[in-house]
PDB file of N, CA and C in Angstrom:
ATOM      1  N   MET A   1     -24.366  58.919 -59.495  1.00  0.00           N
ATOM      2  CA  MET A   1     -23.240  58.595 -58.778  1.00  0.00           C
ATOM      3  C   MET A   1     -21.944  59.365 -58.675  1.00  0.00           C
ATOM      4  N   THR A   2     -21.366  59.911 -57.797  1.00  0.00           N
ATOM      5  CA  THR A   2     -20.208  60.779 -57.833  1.00  0.00           C
ATOM      6  C   THR A   2     -19.056  59.858 -58.202  1.00  0.00           C
ATOM      7  N   SER A   3     -18.007  60.521 -58.530  1.00  0.00           N
ATOM      8  CA  SER A   3     -16.695  59.881 -59.019  1.00  0.00           C
ATOM      9  C   SER A   3     -16.214  59.359 -57.947  1.00  0.00           C
ATOM     10  N   LEU A   4     -16.268  59.907 -56.701  1.00  0.00           N
ATOM     11  CA  LEU A   4     -15.495  59.322 -55.417  1.00  0.00           C
ATOM     12  C   LEU A   4     -16.372  57.899 -55.170  1.00  0.00           C
ATOM     13  N   ALA A   5     -17.758  57.944 -55.283  1.00  0.00           N
ATOM     14  CA  ALA A   5     -18.501  56.554 -55.274  1.00  0.00           C
ATOM     15  C   ALA A   5     -18.075  55.544 -56.086  1.00  0.00           C
ATOM     16  N   GLN A   6     -17.979  56.028 -57.439  1.00  0.00           N
ATOM     17  CA  GLN A   6     -17.648  55.195 -58.362  1.00  0.00           C
ATOM     18  C   GLN A   6     -16.225  54.636 -58.108  1.00  0.00           C
ATOM     19  N   LEU A   7     -15.156  55.371 -57.600  1.00  0.00           N
ATOM     20  CA  LEU A   7     -13.903  54.728 -57.137  1.00  0.00           C
ATOM     21  C   LEU A   7     -13.924  53.867 -56.067  1.00  0.00           C
ATOM     22  N   GLN A   8     -14.789  54.016 -55.294  1.00  0.00           N
ATOM     23  CA  GLN A   8     -14.999  53.213 -54.171  1.00  0.00           C
ATOM     24  C   GLN A   8     -15.235  51.758 -54.591  1.00  0.00           C
ATOM     25  N   LYS A   9     -16.625  51.986 -55.384  1.00  0.00           N
ATOM     26  CA  LYS A   9     -17.119  50.800 -55.951  1.00  0.00           C
ATOM     27  C   LYS A   9     -16.145  49.850 -56.693  1.00  0.00           C
ATOM     28  N   LYS A  10     -15.181  50.444 -57.786  1.00  0.00           N
ATOM     29  CA  LYS A  10     -14.431  49.749 -58.597  1.00  0.00           C
ATOM     30  C   LYS A  10     -13.224  49.160 -57.592  1.00  0.00           C
ATOM     31  N   GLN A  11     -12.801  49.760 -56.291  1.00  0.00           N
ATOM     32  CA  GLN A  11     -11.688  49.345 -55.577  1.00  0.00           C
ATOM     33  C   GLN A  11     -12.381  48.260 -54.945  1.00  0.00           C
ATOM     34  N   GLU A  12     -13.575  48.158 -54.519  1.00  0.00           N
ATOM     35  CA  GLU A  12     -14.154  46.997 -53.747  1.00  0.00           C
ATOM     36  C   GLU A  12     -14.388  45.872 -54.828  1.00  0.00           C
ATOM     37  N   GLU A  13     -14.625  46.120 -56.012  1.00  0.00           N
ATOM     38  CA  GLU A  13     -14.576  45.180 -57.139  1.00  0.00           C
ATOM     39  C   GLU A  13     -13.426  44.404 -57.246  1.00  0.00           C
ATOM     40  N   LEU A  14     -12.173  45.238 -57.273  1.00  0.00           N
ATOM     41  CA  LEU A  14     -11.002  44.958 -57.302  1.00  0.00           C
ATOM     42  C   LEU A  14     -10.389  44.016 -56.445  1.00  0.00           C
ATOM     43  N   GLU A  15     -10.664  44.432 -54.991  1.00  0.00           N
ATOM     44  CA  GLU A  15     -10.526  43.548 -53.857  1.00  0.00           C
ATOM     45  C   GLU A  15     -11.172  42.027 -54.057  1.00  0.00           C
ATOM     46  N   ARG A  16     -12.542  42.220 -54.481  1.00  0.00           N
ATOM     47  CA  ARG A  16     -13.265  41.089 -54.673  1.00  0.00           C
ATOM     48  C   ARG A  16     -12.628  40.032 -55.518  1.00  0.00           C
ATOM     49  N   LEU A  17     -12.169  40.590 -56.658  1.00  0.00           N
ATOM     50  CA  LEU A  17     -11.461  39.760 -57.722  1.00  0.00           C
ATOM     51  C   LEU A  17     -10.410  39.322 -57.231  1.00  0.00           C
ATOM     52  N   GLN A  18      -9.387  40.070 -56.589  1.00  0.00           N
ATOM     53  CA  GLN A  18      -7.928  39.616 -56.086  1.00  0.00           C
ATOM     54  C   GLN A  18      -8.404  38.631 -54.880  1.00  0.00           C
ATOM     55  N   ARG A  19      -9.368  38.522 -54.096  1.00  0.00           N
ATOM     56  CA  ARG A  19      -9.380  37.463 -53.375  1.00  0.00           C
ATOM     57  C   ARG A  19     -10.057  36.280 -54.199  1.00  0.00           C
ATOM     58  N   ASP A  20     -10.826  36.215 -55.095  1.00  0.00           N
ATOM     59  CA  ASP A  20     -11.228  35.121 -56.081  1.00  0.00           C
ATOM     60  C   ASP A  20      -9.715  34.816 -56.641  1.00  0.00           C
ATOM     61  N   ILE A  21      -9.184  35.401 -57.265  1.00  0.00           N
ATOM     62  CA  ILE A  21      -7.964  34.904 -57.883  1.00  0.00           C
ATOM     63  C   ILE A  21      -6.874  34.286 -56.944  1.00  0.00           C
ATOM     64  N   GLU A  22      -6.899  34.616 -55.538  1.00  0.00           N
ATOM     65  CA  GLU A  22      -6.167  33.995 -54.617  1.00  0.00           C
ATOM     66  C   GLU A  22      -6.716  32.684 -54.178  1.00  0.00           C
ATOM     67  N   ARG A  23      -7.997  32.548 -54.052  1.00  0.00           N
ATOM     68  CA  ARG A  23      -8.668  31.200 -53.909  1.00  0.00           C
ATOM     69  C   ARG A  23      -8.716  30.216 -55.022  1.00  0.00           C
ATOM     70  N   MET A  24      -8.641  30.878 -56.308  1.00  0.00           N
ATOM     71  CA  MET A  24      -8.570  29.641 -57.331  1.00  0.00           C
ATOM     72  C   MET A  24      -7.210  29.300 -57.378  1.00  0.00           C
ATOM     73  N   LYS A  25      -6.003  30.268 -57.332  1.00  0.00           N
ATOM     74  CA  LYS A  25      -4.559  29.694 -57.198  1.00  0.00           C
ATOM     75  C   LYS A  25      -4.444  28.524 -56.368  1.00  0.00           C
ATOM     76  N   ALA A  26      -5.193  28.774 -54.970  1.00  0.00           N
ATOM     77  CA  ALA A  26      -4.775  27.965 -53.912  1.00  0.00           C
ATOM     78  C   ALA A  26      -5.614  26.590 -54.304  1.00  0.00           C
ATOM     79  N   SER A  27      -6.712  26.363 -55.241  1.00  0.00           N
ATOM     80  CA  SER A  27      -7.398  25.434 -55.489  1.00  0.00           C
ATOM     81  C   SER A  27      -6.385  24.155 -56.042  1.00  0.00           C
ATOM     82  N   GLU A  28      -6.712  23.062 -55.533  1.00  0.00           N
ATOM     83  CA  GLU A  28      -5.955  21.746 -55.824  1.00  0.00           C
ATOM     84  C   GLU A  28      -5.971  21.722 -57.251  1.00  0.00           C
ATOM     85  N   GLU A  29      -7.145  21.891 -57.874  1.00  0.00           N
ATOM     86  CA  GLU A  29      -7.553  21.505 -59.521  1.00  0.00           C
ATOM     87  C   GLU A  29      -6.589  22.626 -60.088  1.00  0.00           C
ATOM     88  N   VAL A  30      -6.671  23.684 -59.992  1.00  0.00           N
ATOM     89  CA  VAL A  30      -5.806  24.692 -60.718  1.00  0.00           C
ATOM     90  C   VAL A  30      -4.444  24.585 -60.576  1.00  0.00           C
ATOM     91  N   GLN A  31      -3.830  24.249 -59.400  1.00  0.00           N
ATOM     92  CA  GLN A  31      -2.697  23.787 -59.394  1.00  0.00           C
ATOM     93  C   GLN A  31      -2.085  22.534 -60.041  1.00  0.00           C
ATOM     94  N   LYS A  32      -3.241  21.678 -60.207  1.00  0.00           N
ATOM     95  CA  LYS A  32      -2.622  20.482 -61.164  1.00  0.00           C
ATOM     96  C   LYS A  32      -2.482  20.898 -62.365  1.00  0.00           C
ATOM     97  N   GLU A  33      -3.632  21.711 -62.761  1.00  0.00           N
ATOM     98  CA  GLU A  33      -3.584  22.248 -64.175  1.00  0.00           C
ATOM     99  C   GLU A  33      -2.100  23.016 -64.518  1.00  0.00           C
ATOM    100  N   MET A  34      -1.804  24.129 -63.549  1.00  0.00           N
ATOM    101  CA  MET A  34      -0.772  24.936 -63.805  1.00  0.00           C
ATOM    102  C   MET A  34       0.445  23.912 -63.886  1.00  0.00           C
ATOM    103  N   ALA A  35       0.654  22.815 -63.026  1.00  0.00           N
ATOM    104  CA  ALA A  35       1.837  21.913 -63.153  1.00  0.00           C
ATOM    105  C   ALA A  35       1.706  21.277 -64.463  1.00  0.00           C
ATOM    106  N   PHE A  36       0.582  20.850 -64.918  1.00  0.00           N
ATOM    107  CA  PHE A  36       0.662  20.078 -66.129  1.00  0.00           C
ATOM    108  C   PHE A  36       1.009  21.055 -67.181  1.00  0.00           C
ATOM    109  N   ILE A  37       0.615  22.137 -67.408  1.00  0.00           N
ATOM    110  CA  ILE A  37       1.085  23.119 -68.537  1.00  0.00           C
ATOM    111  C   ILE A  37       2.464  23.291 -68.291  1.00  0.00           C
ATOM    112  N   GLU A  38       3.128  23.640 -67.073  1.00  0.00           N
ATOM    113  CA  GLU A  38       4.576  23.768 -67.063  1.00  0.00           C
ATOM    114  C   GLU A  38       5.262  22.556 -67.224  1.00  0.00           C
ATOM    115  N   GLU A  39       5.003  21.330 -66.959  1.00  0.00           N
ATOM    116  CA  GLU A  39       5.580  20.152 -67.486  1.00  0.00           C
ATOM    117  C   GLU A  39       5.479  20.207 -69.053  1.00  0.00           C
ATOM    118  N   LEU A  40       4.520  20.277 -69.451  1.00  0.00           N
ATOM    119  CA  LEU A  40       4.233  20.301 -70.949  1.00  0.00           C
ATOM    120  C   LEU A  40       5.225  21.287 -71.816  1.00  0.00           C
ATOM    121  N   ASN A  41       5.117  22.561 -71.434  1.00  0.00           N
ATOM    122  CA  ASN A  41       5.992  23.524 -71.804  1.00  0.00           C
ATOM    123  C   ASN A  41       7.465  23.325 -71.815  1.00  0.00           C
ATOM    124  N   GLN A  42       7.820  22.533 -70.785  1.00  0.00           N
ATOM    125  CA  GLN A  42       9.128  22.123 -70.385  1.00  0.00           C
ATOM    126  C   GLN A  42       9.688  21.007 -71.466  1.00  0.00           C
ATOM    127  N   LEU A  43       8.652  19.955 -71.602  1.00  0.00           N
ATOM    128  CA  LEU A  43       8.933  18.788 -72.556  1.00  0.00           C
ATOM    129  C   LEU A  43       8.963  19.420 -74.084  1.00  0.00           C
ATOM    130  N   LEU A  44       8.258  20.383 -74.325  1.00  0.00           N
ATOM    131  CA  LEU A  44       8.127  21.034 -75.686  1.00  0.00           C
ATOM    132  C   LEU A  44       9.537  21.675 -75.907  1.00  0.00           C
ATOM    133  N   ALA A  45      10.084  22.484 -74.902  1.00  0.00           N
ATOM    134  CA  ALA A  45      11.307  23.393 -74.914  1.00  0.00           C
ATOM    135  C   ALA A  45      12.419  22.131 -75.182  1.00  0.00           C
ATOM    136  N   LYS A  46      12.238  20.897 -74.543  1.00  0.00           N
ATOM    137  CA  LYS A  46      13.453  20.017 -74.531  1.00  0.00           C
ATOM    138  C   LYS A  46      13.509  19.364 -76.186  1.00  0.00           C
ATOM    139  N   TYR A  47      12.482  19.463 -76.747  1.00  0.00           N
ATOM    140  CA  TYR A  47      12.450  18.754 -78.166  1.00  0.00           C
ATOM    141  C   TYR A  47      12.457  19.987 -79.214  1.00  0.00           C
ATOM    142  N   GLY A  48      12.491  21.174 -78.676  1.00  0.00           N
ATOM    143  CA  GLY A  48      12.372  22.259 -79.509  1.00  0.00           C
ATOM    144  C   GLY A  48      11.163  22.622 -80.297  1.00  0.00           C
ATOM    145  N   LYS A  49      10.103  22.137 -79.738  1.00  0.00           N
ATOM    146  CA  LYS A  49       8.818  22.419 -80.243  1.00  0.00           C
ATOM    147  C   LYS A  49       7.886  23.457 -79.711  1.00  0.00           C
ATOM    148  N   SER A  50       6.881  23.949 -80.174  1.00  0.00           N
ATOM    149  CA  SER A  50       5.930  24.779 -79.590  1.00  0.00           C
ATOM    150  C   SER A  50       4.490  24.028 -79.734  1.00  0.00           C
ATOM    151  N   VAL A  51       3.577  24.880 -79.095  1.00  0.00           N
ATOM    152  CA  VAL A  51       2.172  24.192 -78.714  1.00  0.00           C
ATOM    153  C   VAL A  51       1.451  24.209 -80.376  1.00  0.00           C
ATOM    154  N   ALA A  52       2.021  25.143 -81.224  1.00  0.00           N
ATOM    155  CA  ALA A  52       1.537  24.925 -82.664  1.00  0.00           C
ATOM    156  C   ALA A  52       2.032  23.799 -83.373  1.00  0.00           C
ATOM    157  N   ASP A  53       3.109  23.191 -82.913  1.00  0.00           N
ATOM    158  CA  ASP A  53       3.355  22.227 -83.617  1.00  0.00           C
ATOM    159  C   ASP A  53       2.500  20.639 -83.210  1.00  0.00           C
ATOM    160  N   LEU A  54       1.753  21.055 -81.948  1.00  0.00           N
ATOM    161  CA  LEU A  54       0.727  19.917 -81.691  1.00  0.00           C
ATOM    162  C   LEU A  54      -0.366  19.790 -82.339  1.00  0.00           C
ATOM    163  N   ALA A  55      -0.708  21.063 -82.938  1.00  0.00           N
ATOM    164  CA  ALA A  55      -2.067  20.884 -83.830  1.00  0.00           C
ATOM    165  C   ALA A  55      -2.227  19.972 -84.792  1.00  0.00           C
ATOM    166  N   PRO A  56      -1.347  19.669 -85.629  1.00  0.00           N
ATOM    167  CA  PRO A  56      -1.501  18.388 -86.468  1.00  0.00           C
ATOM    168  C   PRO A  56      -1.614  17.144 -85.848  1.00  0.00           C
ATOM    169  N   LEU A  57      -1.215  17.009 -84.519  1.00  0.00           N
ATOM    170  CA  LEU A  57      -1.392  15.755 -83.982  1.00  0.00           C
ATOM    171  C   LEU A  57      -2.966  15.684 -83.317  1.00  0.00           C
ATOM    172  N   MET A  58      -3.656  16.462 -83.151  1.00  0.00           N
ATOM    173  CA  MET A  58      -4.989  16.885 -82.728  1.00  0.00           C
ATOM    174  C   MET A  58      -6.013  16.089 -83.569  1.00  0.00           C
ATOM    175  N   PRO A  59      -7.237  15.180 -82.986  1.00  0.00           N
ATOM    176  CA  PRO A  59      -8.033  14.731 -84.028  1.00  0.00           C
ATOM    177  C   PRO A  59      -8.690  15.998 -84.660  1.00  0.00           C
ATOM    178  N   ALA A  60      -9.367  15.992 -85.821  1.00  0.00           N
ATOM    179  CA  ALA A  60     -10.246  16.633 -86.223  1.00  0.00           C
ATOM    180  C   ALA A  60     -11.504  16.884 -85.662  1.00  0.00           C
ATOM    181  N   LYS A  61     -11.966  18.028 -85.446  1.00  0.00           N
ATOM    182  CA  LYS A  61     -13.441  18.042 -84.812  1.00  0.00           C
ATOM    183  C   LYS A  61     -14.359  17.723 -85.599  1.00  0.00           C
ATOM    184  N   ALA A  62     -15.359  17.081 -84.926  1.00  0.00           N
ATOM    185  CA  ALA A  62     -16.393  16.351 -85.791  1.00  0.00           C
ATOM    186  C   ALA A  62     -17.372  17.775 -86.065  1.00  0.00           C
ATOM    187  N   SER A  63     -17.995  17.460 -87.196  1.00  0.00           N
ATOM    188  CA  SER A  63     -19.021  18.248 -87.624  1.00  0.00           C
ATOM    189  C   SER A  63     -20.095  18.485 -86.724  1.00  0.00           C
ATOM    190  N   PRO A  64     -20.651  19.729 -86.441  1.00  0.00           N
ATOM    191  CA  PRO A  64     -21.880  19.805 -85.587  1.00  0.00           C
ATOM    192  C   PRO A  64     -23.054  19.053 -85.777  1.00  0.00           C
ATOM    193  N   VAL A  65     -23.599  18.216 -84.960  1.00  0.00           N
ATOM    194  CA  VAL A  65     -24.880  17.452 -84.945  1.00  0.00           C
ATOM    195  C   VAL A  65     -26.008  18.493 -84.973  1.00  0.00           C
ATOM    196  N   SER A  66     -26.921  18.252 -86.008  1.00  0.00           N
ATOM    197  CA  SER A  66     -28.208  18.992 -85.738  1.00  0.00           C
ATOM    198  C   SER A  66     -29.035  18.438 -84.595  1.00  0.00           C
ATOM    199  N   PRO A  67     -29.952  19.447 -84.107  1.00  0.00           N
ATOM    200  CA  PRO A  67     -30.627  18.799 -82.936  1.00  0.00           C
ATOM    201  C   PRO A  67     -31.706  17.917 -83.377  1.00  0.00           C
ATOM    202  N   ALA A  68     -31.955  17.698 -84.672  1.00  0.00           N
ATOM    203  CA  ALA A  68     -32.791  16.674 -85.163  1.00  0.00           C
ATOM    204  C   ALA A  68     -32.344  15.379 -85.071  1.00  0.00           C
ATOM    205  N   GLY A  69     -31.595  14.582 -84.359  1.00  0.00           N
ATOM    206  CA  GLY A  69     -31.264  13.430 -84.245  1.00  0.00           C
ATOM    207  C   GLY A  69     -30.014  13.160 -84.990  1.00  0.00           C
ATOM    208  N   GLY A  70     -29.180  14.177 -85.412  1.00  0.00           N
ATOM    209  CA  GLY A  70     -28.039  13.691 -86.118  1.00  0.00           C
ATOM    210  C   GLY A  70     -28.039  13.922 -87.622  1.00  0.00           C
ATOM    211  N   ARG A  71     -29.346  14.148 -88.203  1.00  0.00           N
ATOM    212  CA  ARG A  71     -29.683  14.463 -89.684  1.00  0.00           C
ATOM    213  C   ARG A  71     -29.061  15.869 -89.988  1.00  0.00           C
ATOM    214  N   ARG A  72     -28.780  16.138 -91.102  1.00  0.00           N
ATOM    215  CA  ARG A  72     -28.249  17.336 -91.458  1.00  0.00           C
ATOM    216  C   ARG A  72     -29.328  18.220 -91.838  1.00  0.00           C
ATOM    217  N   GLN A  73     -29.331  19.295 -91.656  1.00  0.00           N
ATOM    218  CA  GLN A  73     -30.584  20.315 -91.878  1.00  0.00           C
ATOM    219  C   GLN A  73     -30.521  20.570 -93.665  1.00  0.00           C
ATOM    220  N   ARG A  74     -31.660  20.428 -94.068  1.00  0.00           N
ATOM    221  CA  ARG A  74     -31.969  20.831 -95.571  1.00  0.00           C
ATOM    222  C   ARG A  74     -31.492  22.179 -96.114  1.00  0.00           C
ATOM    223  N   LYS A  75     -31.297  22.515 -97.138  1.00  0.00           N
ATOM    224  CA  LYS A  75     -30.900  23.615 -97.585  1.00  0.00           C
ATOM    225  C   LYS A  75     -32.177  24.415 -97.830  1.00  0.00           C
ATOM    226  N   MET A  76     -32.047  25.724 -97.348  1.00  0.00           N
ATOM    227  CA  MET A  76     -33.288  26.832 -97.583  1.00  0.00           C
ATOM    228  C   MET A  76     -33.343  26.844 -98.974  1.00  0.00           C
ATOM    229  N   LYS A  77     -34.655  26.762 -99.621  1.00  0.00           N
ATOM    230  CA  LYS A  77     -34.965  27.045-100.853  1.00  0.00           C
ATOM    231  C   LYS A  77     -35.938  28.272-101.105  1.00  0.00           C
ATOM    232  N   VAL A  78     -35.724  29.179-101.659  1.00  0.00           N
ATOM    233  CA  VAL A  78     -36.683  30.328-101.886  1.00  0.00           C
ATOM    234  C   VAL A  78     -37.249  30.540-103.086  1.00  0.00           C
ATOM    235  N   TYR A  79     -38.565  30.613-103.178  1.00  0.00           N
ATOM    236  CA  TYR A  79     -39.216  30.547-104.504  1.00  0.00           C
ATOM    237  C   TYR A  79     -40.120  32.037-104.631  1.00  0.00           C
ATOM    238  N   LEU A  80     -39.738  32.579-105.593  1.00  0.00           N
ATOM    239  CA  LEU A  80     -40.634  33.916-105.865  1.00  0.00           C
ATOM    240  C   LEU A  80     -41.372  33.830-107.232  1.00  0.00           C
ATOM    241  N   ASN A  81     -42.805  34.120-106.839  1.00  0.00           N
ATOM    242  CA  ASN A  81     -43.878  34.004-107.699  1.00  0.00           C
ATOM    243  C   ASN A  81     -43.490  35.303-108.864  1.00  0.00           C
ATOM    244  N   PRO A  82     -43.394  35.272-109.743  1.00  0.00           N
ATOM    245  CA  PRO A  82     -43.251  36.401-110.649  1.00  0.00           C
ATOM    246  C   PRO A  82     -44.529  37.179-110.932  1.00  0.00           C
ATOM    247  N   GLN A  83     -45.563  36.385-110.768  1.00  0.00           N
ATOM    248  CA  GLN A  83     -46.891  37.052-111.282  1.00  0.00           C
ATOM    249  C   GLN A  83     -47.334  37.957-110.023  1.00  0.00           C
ATOM    250  N   THR A  84     -47.156  37.398-108.940  1.00  0.00           N
ATOM    251  CA  THR A  84     -47.618  38.151-107.654  1.00  0.00           C
ATOM    252  C   THR A  84     -46.702  38.547-106.715  1.00  0.00           C
ATOM    253  N   GLY A  85     -45.288  38.348-106.943  1.00  0.00           N
ATOM    254  CA  GLY A  85     -44.196  38.905-106.196  1.00  0.00           C
ATOM    255  C   GLY A  85     -44.168  38.095-104.815  1.00  0.00           C
ATOM    256  N   GLU A  86     -45.215  37.178-104.550  1.00  0.00           N
ATOM    257  CA  GLU A  86     -45.207  36.423-103.161  1.00  0.00           C
ATOM    258  C   GLU A  86     -43.731  35.565-103.285  1.00  0.00           C
ATOM    259  N   LYS A  87     -43.284  35.628-101.932  1.00  0.00           N
ATOM    260  CA  LYS A  87     -42.026  34.781-101.731  1.00  0.00           C
ATOM    261  C   LYS A  87     -42.406  33.770-100.678  1.00  0.00           C
ATOM    262  N   VAL A  88     -41.693  32.567-100.839  1.00  0.00           N
ATOM    263  CA  VAL A  88     -41.852  31.326-100.138  1.00  0.00           C
ATOM    264  C   VAL A  88     -40.534  30.898 -99.676  1.00  0.00           C
ATOM    265  N   GLU A  89     -40.223  30.585 -98.572  1.00  0.00           N
ATOM    266  CA  GLU A  89     -38.834  29.974 -98.026  1.00  0.00           C
ATOM    267  C   GLU A  89     -39.330  28.699 -97.440  1.00  0.00           C
ATOM    268  N   THR A  90     -38.821  27.770 -97.915  1.00  0.00           N
ATOM    269  CA  THR A  90     -38.957  26.318 -97.320  1.00  0.00           C
ATOM    270  C   THR A  90     -37.650  25.416 -97.140  1.00  0.00           C
ATOM    271  N   ARG A  91     -37.726  24.462 -96.575  1.00  0.00           N
ATOM    272  CA  ARG A  91     -36.575  23.498 -96.567  1.00  0.00           C
ATOM    273  C   ARG A  91     -37.200  22.065 -96.935  1.00  0.00           C
ATOM    274  N   GLY A  92     -38.458  22.078 -97.305  1.00  0.00           N
ATOM    275  CA  GLY A  92     -38.882  20.987 -97.751  1.00  0.00           C
ATOM    276  C   GLY A  92     -39.974  21.116 -98.808  1.00  0.00           C
ATOM    277  N   GLY A  93     -40.613  20.176 -99.415  1.00  0.00           N
ATOM    278  CA  GLY A  93     -41.608  20.399-100.373  1.00  0.00           C
ATOM    279  C   GLY A  93     -43.030  20.353 -99.964  1.00  0.00           C
ATOM    280  N   ASN A  94     -43.330  20.292 -98.420  1.00  0.00           N
ATOM    281  CA  ASN A  94     -44.753  20.195 -97.856  1.00  0.00           C
ATOM    282  C   ASN A  94     -44.940  21.371 -97.417  1.00  0.00           C
ATOM    283  N   HIS A  95     -44.954  22.467 -98.380  1.00  0.00           N
ATOM    284  CA  HIS A  95     -45.334  23.902 -97.992  1.00  0.00           C
ATOM    285  C   HIS A  95     -46.606  24.252 -98.736  1.00  0.00           C
ATOM    286  N   LYS A  96     -47.588  24.695 -98.028  1.00  0.00           N
ATOM    287  CA  LYS A  96     -49.284  24.681 -98.323  1.00  0.00           C
ATOM    288  C   LYS A  96     -49.206  25.484 -99.656  1.00  0.00           C
ATOM    289  N   VAL A  97     -48.473  26.740 -99.550  1.00  0.00           N
ATOM    290  CA  VAL A  97     -48.490  27.866-100.734  1.00  0.00           C
ATOM    291  C   VAL A  97     -47.674  27.184-101.912  1.00  0.00           C
ATOM    292  N   LEU A  98     -46.628  26.463-101.637  1.00  0.00           N
ATOM    293  CA  LEU A  98     -45.981  25.875-102.689  1.00  0.00           C
ATOM    294  C   LEU A  98     -46.580  24.773-103.488  1.00  0.00           C
ATOM    295  N   LYS A  99     -47.278  23.990-102.812  1.00  0.00           N
ATOM    296  CA  LYS A  99     -48.215  22.802-103.267  1.00  0.00           C
ATOM    297  C   LYS A  99     -49.295  23.337-104.193  1.00  0.00           C
ATOM    298  N   ALA A 100     -49.787  24.739-103.916  1.00  0.00           N
ATOM    299  CA  ALA A 100     -50.847  25.289-104.390  1.00  0.00           C
ATOM    300  C   ALA A 100     -50.461  25.652-105.964  1.00  0.00           C
ATOM    301  N   TRP A 101     -49.074  26.494-105.552  1.00  0.00           N
ATOM    302  CA  TRP A 101     -48.437  27.017-106.913  1.00  0.00           C
ATOM    303  C   TRP A 101     -48.010  25.898-108.056  1.00  0.00           C
ATOM    304  N   LYS A 102     -47.711  24.625-107.438  1.00  0.00           N
ATOM    305  CA  LYS A 102     -47.340  23.457-108.368  1.00  0.00           C
ATOM    306  C   LYS A 102     -48.685  23.060-109.013  1.00  0.00           C
ATOM    307  N   ALA A 103     -49.721  22.793-108.101  1.00  0.00           N
ATOM    308  CA  ALA A 103     -51.034  22.426-108.634  1.00  0.00           C
ATOM    309  C   ALA A 103     -51.685  23.309-109.555  1.00  0.00           C
ATOM    310  N   GLN A 104     -51.414  24.491-109.805  1.00  0.00           N
ATOM    311  CA  GLN A 104     -51.922  25.463-110.549  1.00  0.00           C
ATOM    312  C   GLN A 104     -51.111  25.847-111.802  1.00  0.00           C
ATOM    313  N   HIS A 105     -49.656  25.849-111.558  1.00  0.00           N
ATOM    314  CA  HIS A 105     -48.648  26.222-112.786  1.00  0.00           C
ATOM    315  C   HIS A 105     -47.951  24.889-113.175  1.00  0.00           C
ATOM    316  N   GLY A 106     -47.832  23.777-112.332  1.00  0.00           N
ATOM    317  CA  GLY A 106     -47.096  22.723-112.772  1.00  0.00           C
ATOM    318  C   GLY A 106     -45.524  22.656-112.150  1.00  0.00           C
ATOM    319  N   ASN A 107     -45.182  21.648-111.884  1.00  0.00           N
ATOM    320  CA  ASN A 107     -43.922  21.439-111.069  1.00  0.00           C
ATOM    321  C   ASN A 107     -42.880  22.247-111.847  1.00  0.00           C
ATOM    322  N   ASP A 108     -42.636  21.780-112.948  1.00  0.00           N
ATOM    323  CA  ASP A 108     -41.573  22.553-113.858  1.00  0.00           C
ATOM    324  C   ASP A 108     -41.318  24.152-113.787  1.00  0.00           C
ATOM    325  N   VAL A 109     -42.529  24.659-113.936  1.00  0.00           N
ATOM    326  CA  VAL A 109     -42.850  26.118-113.837  1.00  0.00           C
ATOM    327  C   VAL A 109     -42.410  26.728-112.498  1.00  0.00           C
ATOM    328  N   VAL A 110     -43.103  26.003-111.485  1.00  0.00           N
ATOM    329  CA  VAL A 110     -42.676  26.665-110.136  1.00  0.00           C
ATOM    330  C   VAL A 110     -41.138  26.396-109.790  1.00  0.00           C
ATOM    331  N   GLU A 111     -40.573  25.260-110.084  1.00  0.00           N
ATOM    332  CA  GLU A 111     -38.898  25.105-109.922  1.00  0.00           C
ATOM    333  C   GLU A 111     -38.193  26.155-110.496  1.00  0.00           C
ATOM    334  N   GLY A 112     -38.975  26.739-111.682  1.00  0.00           N
ATOM    335  CA  GLY A 112     -38.112  27.575-112.522  1.00  0.00           C
ATOM    336  C   GLY A 112     -37.947  28.843-111.727  1.00  0.00           C
ATOM    337  N   TRP A 113     -38.827  29.082-110.556  1.00  0.00           N
ATOM    338  CA  TRP A 113     -39.176  30.215-109.679  1.00  0.00           C
ATOM    339  C   TRP A 113     -38.039  30.082-108.599  1.00  0.00           C
ATOM    340  N   LEU A 114     -37.308  28.973-108.467  1.00  0.00           N
ATOM    341  CA  LEU A 114     -36.465  29.024-107.471  1.00  0.00           C
ATOM    342  C   LEU A 114     -35.349  30.071-107.585  1.00  0.00           C
ATOM    343  N   GLN A 115     -34.934  30.739-106.613  1.00  0.00           N
ATOM    344  CA  GLN A 115     -33.897  32.000-106.544  1.00  0.00           C
ATOM    345  C   GLN A 115     -32.545  31.291-106.230  1.00  0.00           C
TER     346      GLN A 115
END
């Protein structure tokens, strides 16, 4: 693509974006939001405050809920078998290889392999 073609393409994009901006500015919803922000800024200025002064008044955000119905996710555990060098990553105890290791070597020994 030539430089002239790129310039024309960018100019068309700019014109399209300018039309979008004008359409958005004309929308009732945006005008209401802009009016609210202006009134809020005037009120803050009246009392000598800034937007940063509002932060302590805002409620704390709730911790993110895991997709499993609100239960927190279990911590990832990594076991490394020193004899074979095999590595197992699991969040629970229901892992086939981990169960086999515990049956063969005992629970206490395998828990000692936890990284």
